[in-house]
N, C-alpha and C. Protein backbone atom coordinates (compact mmCIF):
# COMPACT_ATOMS: atom_id res chain seq x y z
N MET A 1 100.41 85.21 108.57
CA MET A 1 100.34 85.13 110.00
C MET A 1 101.36 86.05 110.65
N ALA A 2 102.32 86.47 109.90
CA ALA A 2 103.31 87.40 110.43
C ALA A 2 102.81 88.82 110.29
N ASP A 3 103.34 89.71 111.14
CA ASP A 3 102.96 91.11 111.04
C ASP A 3 103.77 91.78 109.92
N ALA A 4 103.60 93.09 109.78
CA ALA A 4 104.25 93.82 108.68
C ALA A 4 105.77 93.69 108.72
N SER A 5 106.33 93.49 109.92
CA SER A 5 107.78 93.36 110.03
C SER A 5 108.26 91.95 109.74
N GLY A 6 107.32 91.01 109.52
CA GLY A 6 107.69 89.64 109.21
C GLY A 6 107.79 88.74 110.43
N SER A 7 107.54 89.29 111.63
CA SER A 7 107.63 88.44 112.82
C SER A 7 106.24 87.96 113.23
N LEU A 8 106.22 86.86 113.91
CA LEU A 8 104.97 86.24 114.35
C LEU A 8 104.68 86.68 115.78
N ASP A 9 103.52 87.25 116.02
CA ASP A 9 103.13 87.70 117.35
C ASP A 9 102.03 86.80 117.87
N ILE A 10 102.41 85.72 118.55
CA ILE A 10 101.46 84.72 119.03
C ILE A 10 100.53 85.32 120.08
N ASP A 11 101.06 86.16 120.95
CA ASP A 11 100.21 86.78 121.98
C ASP A 11 99.10 87.60 121.34
N ALA A 12 99.41 88.33 120.28
CA ALA A 12 98.39 89.12 119.57
C ALA A 12 97.38 88.20 118.90
N MET A 13 97.84 87.10 118.34
CA MET A 13 96.94 86.14 117.70
C MET A 13 95.96 85.58 118.73
N LEU A 14 96.47 85.17 119.89
CA LEU A 14 95.60 84.62 120.93
C LEU A 14 94.64 85.68 121.46
N ALA A 15 95.08 86.93 121.53
CA ALA A 15 94.19 88.01 121.95
C ALA A 15 93.05 88.18 120.95
N ARG A 16 93.35 88.01 119.66
CA ARG A 16 92.28 88.11 118.65
C ARG A 16 91.25 87.00 118.85
N PHE A 17 91.70 85.81 119.21
CA PHE A 17 90.75 84.73 119.48
C PHE A 17 89.90 85.05 120.71
N ARG A 18 90.51 85.63 121.74
CA ARG A 18 89.73 86.02 122.92
C ARG A 18 88.71 87.10 122.54
N ASP A 19 89.12 88.04 121.69
CA ASP A 19 88.20 89.08 121.23
C ASP A 19 87.05 88.48 120.42
N ARG A 20 87.36 87.49 119.60
CA ARG A 20 86.31 86.84 118.81
C ARG A 20 85.32 86.11 119.71
N ALA A 21 85.83 85.45 120.76
CA ALA A 21 84.94 84.75 121.69
C ALA A 21 84.00 85.76 122.36
N LYS A 22 84.56 86.89 122.76
CA LYS A 22 83.74 87.93 123.40
C LYS A 22 82.69 88.47 122.42
N ALA A 23 83.08 88.66 121.16
CA ALA A 23 82.15 89.17 120.15
C ALA A 23 81.01 88.20 119.91
N VAL A 24 81.29 86.90 119.94
CA VAL A 24 80.22 85.91 119.76
C VAL A 24 79.21 86.02 120.89
N LYS A 25 79.71 86.20 122.12
CA LYS A 25 78.80 86.33 123.27
C LYS A 25 77.92 87.57 123.14
N GLN A 26 78.42 88.60 122.49
CA GLN A 26 77.68 89.86 122.37
C GLN A 26 76.89 89.95 121.07
N ARG A 27 76.98 88.92 120.23
CA ARG A 27 76.32 88.91 118.93
C ARG A 27 74.80 88.94 119.14
N PRO A 28 74.12 89.90 118.51
CA PRO A 28 72.66 89.95 118.68
C PRO A 28 71.98 88.80 117.92
N LEU A 29 70.90 88.34 118.46
CA LEU A 29 70.12 87.28 117.84
C LEU A 29 69.31 87.88 116.69
N PRO A 30 69.48 87.36 115.48
CA PRO A 30 68.72 87.90 114.36
C PRO A 30 67.24 87.54 114.50
N PRO A 31 66.40 88.22 113.75
CA PRO A 31 64.97 87.95 113.84
C PRO A 31 64.59 86.65 113.13
N VAL A 32 64.95 85.55 113.73
CA VAL A 32 64.61 84.23 113.18
C VAL A 32 63.85 83.45 114.25
N ALA A 33 63.13 82.45 113.81
CA ALA A 33 62.33 81.66 114.75
C ALA A 33 62.49 80.18 114.43
N GLY A 34 62.01 79.37 115.34
CA GLY A 34 61.97 77.93 115.12
C GLY A 34 63.33 77.29 114.94
N ASP A 35 63.42 76.44 113.92
CA ASP A 35 64.65 75.69 113.66
C ASP A 35 65.82 76.60 113.32
N GLU A 36 65.57 77.70 112.61
CA GLU A 36 66.65 78.63 112.27
C GLU A 36 67.22 79.28 113.52
N ARG A 37 66.36 79.63 114.46
CA ARG A 37 66.80 80.23 115.72
C ARG A 37 67.67 79.24 116.50
N LYS A 38 67.18 78.01 116.58
CA LYS A 38 67.93 76.96 117.29
C LYS A 38 69.30 76.74 116.65
N ALA A 39 69.33 76.68 115.32
CA ALA A 39 70.60 76.48 114.61
C ALA A 39 71.56 77.65 114.84
N PHE A 40 71.04 78.88 114.84
CA PHE A 40 71.88 80.05 115.09
C PHE A 40 72.49 80.00 116.48
N ILE A 41 71.67 79.68 117.47
CA ILE A 41 72.15 79.61 118.86
C ILE A 41 73.20 78.51 119.02
N GLU A 42 72.94 77.35 118.42
CA GLU A 42 73.91 76.25 118.51
C GLU A 42 75.23 76.62 117.85
N GLN A 43 75.16 77.29 116.70
CA GLN A 43 76.39 77.70 116.02
C GLN A 43 77.15 78.73 116.85
N ALA A 44 76.44 79.65 117.46
CA ALA A 44 77.08 80.65 118.31
C ALA A 44 77.78 79.98 119.49
N GLN A 45 77.17 78.96 120.06
CA GLN A 45 77.80 78.24 121.18
C GLN A 45 79.07 77.54 120.73
N ARG A 46 79.03 76.92 119.54
CA ARG A 46 80.23 76.25 119.02
C ARG A 46 81.32 77.27 118.71
N ASP A 47 80.93 78.40 118.08
CA ASP A 47 81.91 79.44 117.76
C ASP A 47 82.58 79.96 119.03
N TYR A 48 81.77 80.23 120.05
CA TYR A 48 82.33 80.73 121.31
C TYR A 48 83.33 79.73 121.89
N MET A 49 82.94 78.47 121.96
CA MET A 49 83.82 77.46 122.54
C MET A 49 85.13 77.36 121.76
N ASP A 50 85.04 77.33 120.44
CA ASP A 50 86.25 77.22 119.61
C ASP A 50 87.19 78.41 119.85
N PHE A 51 86.64 79.62 119.78
CA PHE A 51 87.47 80.81 119.96
C PHE A 51 88.02 80.90 121.38
N ALA A 52 87.21 80.56 122.38
CA ALA A 52 87.64 80.64 123.77
C ALA A 52 88.74 79.63 124.07
N ILE A 53 88.62 78.44 123.54
CA ILE A 53 89.65 77.41 123.78
C ILE A 53 90.99 77.87 123.23
N VAL A 54 91.01 78.32 121.99
CA VAL A 54 92.28 78.77 121.40
C VAL A 54 92.78 80.01 122.12
N GLY A 55 91.89 80.92 122.47
CA GLY A 55 92.29 82.14 123.16
C GLY A 55 92.92 81.89 124.52
N ASP A 56 92.55 80.78 125.17
CA ASP A 56 93.09 80.44 126.48
C ASP A 56 94.36 79.59 126.42
N ALA A 57 94.83 79.29 125.25
CA ALA A 57 95.98 78.41 125.10
C ALA A 57 97.28 79.07 125.56
N ALA A 58 98.14 78.23 126.08
CA ALA A 58 99.54 78.62 126.33
C ALA A 58 100.30 78.19 125.08
N TRP A 59 101.40 78.86 124.79
CA TRP A 59 102.11 78.49 123.57
C TRP A 59 103.60 78.36 123.79
N SER A 60 104.21 77.60 122.89
CA SER A 60 105.67 77.48 122.86
C SER A 60 106.07 77.19 121.41
N ILE A 61 107.31 77.52 121.10
CA ILE A 61 107.87 77.19 119.80
C ILE A 61 109.12 76.36 120.07
N ASP A 62 109.09 75.14 119.59
CA ASP A 62 110.21 74.23 119.77
C ASP A 62 110.65 73.73 118.40
N GLU A 63 111.89 74.01 118.05
CA GLU A 63 112.47 73.62 116.76
C GLU A 63 111.58 74.04 115.60
N GLY A 64 111.05 75.26 115.69
CA GLY A 64 110.25 75.82 114.61
C GLY A 64 108.80 75.38 114.59
N VAL A 65 108.37 74.61 115.58
CA VAL A 65 107.00 74.12 115.63
C VAL A 65 106.24 74.87 116.73
N LEU A 66 105.16 75.56 116.32
CA LEU A 66 104.30 76.25 117.28
C LEU A 66 103.38 75.22 117.92
N THR A 67 103.39 75.18 119.25
CA THR A 67 102.52 74.26 119.98
C THR A 67 101.62 75.07 120.89
N LEU A 68 100.31 74.88 120.74
CA LEU A 68 99.33 75.50 121.63
C LEU A 68 98.89 74.43 122.62
N THR A 69 98.94 74.76 123.90
CA THR A 69 98.55 73.83 124.94
C THR A 69 97.31 74.37 125.64
N VAL A 70 96.29 73.53 125.72
CA VAL A 70 95.03 73.93 126.33
C VAL A 70 94.76 73.01 127.51
N ASP A 71 94.70 73.58 128.70
CA ASP A 71 94.41 72.83 129.92
C ASP A 71 92.90 72.83 130.11
N LEU A 72 92.27 71.68 129.91
CA LEU A 72 90.82 71.58 130.00
C LEU A 72 90.32 71.20 131.38
N ARG A 73 91.26 71.06 132.32
CA ARG A 73 90.83 70.75 133.70
C ARG A 73 90.17 71.97 134.32
N PRO A 74 89.26 71.75 135.28
CA PRO A 74 88.67 72.89 136.00
C PRO A 74 89.78 73.73 136.64
N ALA A 75 89.54 75.02 136.78
CA ALA A 75 90.55 75.95 137.29
C ALA A 75 91.13 75.51 138.63
N ASP A 76 90.31 74.94 139.49
CA ASP A 76 90.78 74.54 140.82
C ASP A 76 91.63 73.26 140.78
N GLN A 77 91.73 72.60 139.61
CA GLN A 77 92.53 71.39 139.48
C GLN A 77 93.78 71.60 138.65
N ARG A 78 94.03 72.82 138.22
CA ARG A 78 95.21 73.10 137.40
C ARG A 78 96.42 73.32 138.29
N SER A 79 97.57 72.93 137.76
CA SER A 79 98.79 73.11 138.55
C SER A 79 99.51 74.39 138.22
């Protein structure tokens, strides 16, 4: 998880999750039909949500523990 210099770059890690979420949204639908198509779409939705949630996290390190905080409230209700 550390870079070549041995340090941990949390901002870069979160940016990679945001990039992954974007890539899922742009992922082309393979030539499948029926149940396989439905399963592919459902998996893509789960992948996007997982990557987007982590990518939107705020972070802190307290006593050596990395904590990711995700505010799930609507944007207009966040403080």
